[in-house]
Amino acid sequence: MNIGSKIRSGRSCPAVLTPTVDQILEDINGAAPNDPVFSILDLSRALESSGVESRFQQCRQYLELNERLQEVRGRLLKQREELRAAGEQLQTDVEEVRGQTL
């Protein structure tokens, strides 16, 4: 028996009908919460399990900390300059007082 030699009938495969919106909604509403369709689209679990979300949070924390460090650095530089100027003024005042007592 040769399967390839069968004569085909003039019939074609039946076309798949597209479901209506009502049929789709009925199917979704009737699905269980643990239906694989819903778990496939659960991106939050996928992101957490792959570590992407935690790495994103680490990057955000790093950038925020880096920004804070830059702000603190700027304040420290300003305070250092103020202290240097105060030290020079103090030195000038000390020399002036010494000159008056001698």
C-alpha atoms as a PDB file:
ATOM      1  CA  MET A   1       0.000   0.000   0.000  1.00  0.00           C
ATOM      2  CA  ASN A   2       1.486   3.280  -1.064  1.00  0.00           C
ATOM      3  CA  ILE A   3       0.187   6.174   1.035  1.00  0.00           C
ATOM      4  CA  GLY A   4       1.443   8.818  -1.356  1.00  0.00           C
ATOM      5  CA  SER A   5      -0.567   7.433  -4.224  1.00  0.00           C
ATOM      6  CA  LYS A   6      -3.951   8.043  -2.661  1.00  0.00           C
ATOM      7  CA  ILE A   7      -6.122  10.246  -4.739  1.00  0.00           C
ATOM      8  CA  ARG A   8      -7.070  13.392  -2.935  1.00  0.00           C
ATOM      9  CA  SER A   9     -10.614  14.435  -2.821  1.00  0.00           C
ATOM     10  CA  GLY A  10     -11.537  17.952  -3.864  1.00  0.00           C
ATOM     11  CA  ARG A  11     -12.119  18.952  -0.251  1.00  0.00           C
ATOM     12  CA  SER A  12      -9.842  21.378   1.539  1.00  0.00           C
ATOM     13  CA  CYS A  13      -9.250  21.675   5.255  1.00  0.00           C
ATOM     14  CA  PRO A  14     -11.930  23.614   7.089  1.00  0.00           C
ATOM     15  CA  ALA A  15     -10.998  27.201   7.887  1.00  0.00           C
ATOM     16  CA  VAL A  16     -10.511  28.095  11.526  1.00  0.00           C
ATOM     17  CA  LEU A  17     -13.038  30.685  12.555  1.00  0.00           C
ATOM     18  CA  THR A  18     -11.775  33.665  14.510  1.00  0.00           C
ATOM     19  CA  PRO A  19     -13.522  33.873  17.887  1.00  0.00           C
ATOM     20  CA  THR A  20     -15.747  36.831  18.588  1.00  0.00           C
ATOM     21  CA  VAL A  21     -14.971  39.340  21.312  1.00  0.00           C
ATOM     22  CA  ASP A  22     -17.717  37.844  23.463  1.00  0.00           C
ATOM     23  CA  GLN A  23     -16.224  34.366  23.068  1.00  0.00           C
ATOM     24  CA  ILE A  24     -12.771  35.647  24.026  1.00  0.00           C
ATOM     25  CA  LEU A  25     -14.117  37.448  27.098  1.00  0.00           C
ATOM     26  CA  GLU A  26     -16.102  34.378  28.109  1.00  0.00           C
ATOM     27  CA  ASP A  27     -12.978  32.251  27.781  1.00  0.00           C
ATOM     28  CA  ILE A  28     -10.886  34.681  29.847  1.00  0.00           C
ATOM     29  CA  ASN A  29     -13.526  35.018  32.550  1.00  0.00           C
ATOM     30  CA  GLY A  30     -13.898  31.242  32.764  1.00  0.00           C
ATOM     31  CA  ALA A  31     -10.166  30.590  33.082  1.00  0.00           C
ATOM     32  CA  ALA A  32      -8.660  29.681  36.433  1.00  0.00           C
ATOM     33  CA  PRO A  33      -6.223  32.158  38.035  1.00  0.00           C
ATOM     34  CA  ASN A  34      -3.399  29.625  37.665  1.00  0.00           C
ATOM     35  CA  ASP A  35      -4.079  29.174  33.941  1.00  0.00           C
ATOM     36  CA  PRO A  36      -0.769  29.135  32.002  1.00  0.00           C
ATOM     37  CA  VAL A  37      -1.957  32.031  29.857  1.00  0.00           C
ATOM     38  CA  PHE A  38      -1.890  34.320  32.871  1.00  0.00           C
ATOM     39  CA  SER A  39       1.444  33.068  34.170  1.00  0.00           C
ATOM     40  CA  ILE A  40       3.127  33.663  30.818  1.00  0.00           C
ATOM     41  CA  LEU A  41       2.228  37.330  30.969  1.00  0.00           C
ATOM     42  CA  ASP A  42       3.237  37.746  34.610  1.00  0.00           C
ATOM     43  CA  LEU A  43       6.310  39.852  33.920  1.00  0.00           C
ATOM     44  CA  SER A  44       6.871  40.870  37.511  1.00  0.00           C
ATOM     45  CA  ARG A  45       7.587  37.278  38.539  1.00  0.00           C
ATOM     46  CA  ALA A  46       9.789  36.764  35.514  1.00  0.00           C
ATOM     47  CA  LEU A  47      11.760  39.926  36.252  1.00  0.00           C
ATOM     48  CA  GLU A  48      12.176  39.048  39.917  1.00  0.00           C
ATOM     49  CA  SER A  49      13.192  35.486  39.221  1.00  0.00           C
ATOM     50  CA  SER A  50      15.749  36.519  36.638  1.00  0.00           C
ATOM     51  CA  GLY A  51      17.266  39.166  38.897  1.00  0.00           C
ATOM     52  CA  VAL A  52      16.620  41.991  36.452  1.00  0.00           C
ATOM     53  CA  GLU A  53      14.468  43.912  38.923  1.00  0.00           C
ATOM     54  CA  SER A  54      17.011  43.570  41.732  1.00  0.00           C
ATOM     55  CA  ARG A  55      19.843  44.710  39.480  1.00  0.00           C
ATOM     56  CA  PHE A  56      17.768  47.659  38.318  1.00  0.00           C
ATOM     57  CA  GLN A  57      17.159  48.643  41.946  1.00  0.00           C
ATOM     58  CA  GLN A  58      20.871  48.278  42.695  1.00  0.00           C
ATOM     59  CA  CYS A  59      21.698  50.580  39.786  1.00  0.00           C
ATOM     60  CA  ARG A  60      19.152  53.143  40.956  1.00  0.00           C
ATOM     61  CA  GLN A  61      20.543  53.045  44.492  1.00  0.00           C
ATOM     62  CA  TYR A  62      24.082  53.404  43.160  1.00  0.00           C
ATOM     63  CA  LEU A  63      23.145  56.418  41.052  1.00  0.00           C
ATOM     64  CA  GLU A  64      21.271  58.061  43.937  1.00  0.00           C
ATOM     65  CA  LEU A  65      24.182  57.445  46.296  1.00  0.00           C
ATOM     66  CA  ASN A  66      26.647  58.759  43.731  1.00  0.00           C
ATOM     67  CA  GLU A  67      24.570  61.930  43.327  1.00  0.00           C
ATOM     68  CA  ARG A  68      24.462  62.411  47.103  1.00  0.00           C
ATOM     69  CA  LEU A  69      28.225  61.910  47.306  1.00  0.00           C
ATOM     70  CA  GLN A  70      28.773  64.568  44.655  1.00  0.00           C
ATOM     71  CA  GLU A  71      26.565  66.994  46.595  1.00  0.00           C
ATOM     72  CA  VAL A  72      28.442  66.264  49.836  1.00  0.00           C
ATOM     73  CA  ARG A  73      31.760  66.659  48.022  1.00  0.00           C
ATOM     74  CA  GLY A  74      30.700  70.106  46.815  1.00  0.00           C
ATOM     75  CA  ARG A  75      29.669  71.141  50.326  1.00  0.00           C
ATOM     76  CA  LEU A  76      32.938  69.848  51.779  1.00  0.00           C
ATOM     77  CA  LEU A  77      34.986  71.758  49.216  1.00  0.00           C
ATOM     78  CA  LYS A  78      33.086  74.936  50.078  1.00  0.00           C
ATOM     79  CA  GLN A  79      33.558  74.354  53.821  1.00  0.00           C
ATOM     80  CA  ARG A  80      37.259  73.655  53.300  1.00  0.00           C
ATOM     81  CA  GLU A  81      37.654  76.941  51.460  1.00  0.00           C
ATOM     82  CA  GLU A  82      35.754  78.765  54.219  1.00  0.00           C
ATOM     83  CA  LEU A  83      37.990  77.160  56.860  1.00  0.00           C
ATOM     84  CA  ARG A  84      41.123  78.074  54.912  1.00  0.00           C
ATOM     85  CA  ALA A  85      39.945  81.682  54.626  1.00  0.00           C
ATOM     86  CA  ALA A  86      39.058  81.731  58.352  1.00  0.00           C
ATOM     87  CA  GLY A  87      42.514  80.318  59.170  1.00  0.00           C
ATOM     88  CA  GLU A  88      44.215  83.040  57.120  1.00  0.00           C
ATOM     89  CA  GLN A  89      42.096  85.703  58.823  1.00  0.00           C
ATOM     90  CA  LEU A  90      42.937  84.212  62.228  1.00  0.00           C
ATOM     91  CA  GLN A  91      46.648  84.237  61.375  1.00  0.00           C
ATOM     92  CA  THR A  92      46.404  87.881  60.307  1.00  0.00           C
ATOM     93  CA  ASP A  93      44.569  88.769  63.528  1.00  0.00           C
ATOM     94  CA  VAL A  94      47.157  86.917  65.661  1.00  0.00           C
ATOM     95  CA  GLU A  95      50.017  88.767  63.944  1.00  0.00           C
ATOM     96  CA  GLU A  96      48.188  92.053  64.441  1.00  0.00           C
ATOM     97  CA  VAL A  97      47.697  91.342  68.172  1.00  0.00           C
ATOM     98  CA  ARG A  98      51.363  90.345  68.539  1.00  0.00           C
ATOM     99  CA  GLY A  99      52.412  93.556  66.839  1.00  0.00           C
ATOM    100  CA  GLN A 100      50.337  95.624  69.241  1.00  0.00           C
ATOM    101  CA  THR A 101      51.771  94.009  72.382  1.00  0.00           C
ATOM    102  CA  LEU A 102      55.412  94.314  71.371  1.00  0.00           C
END
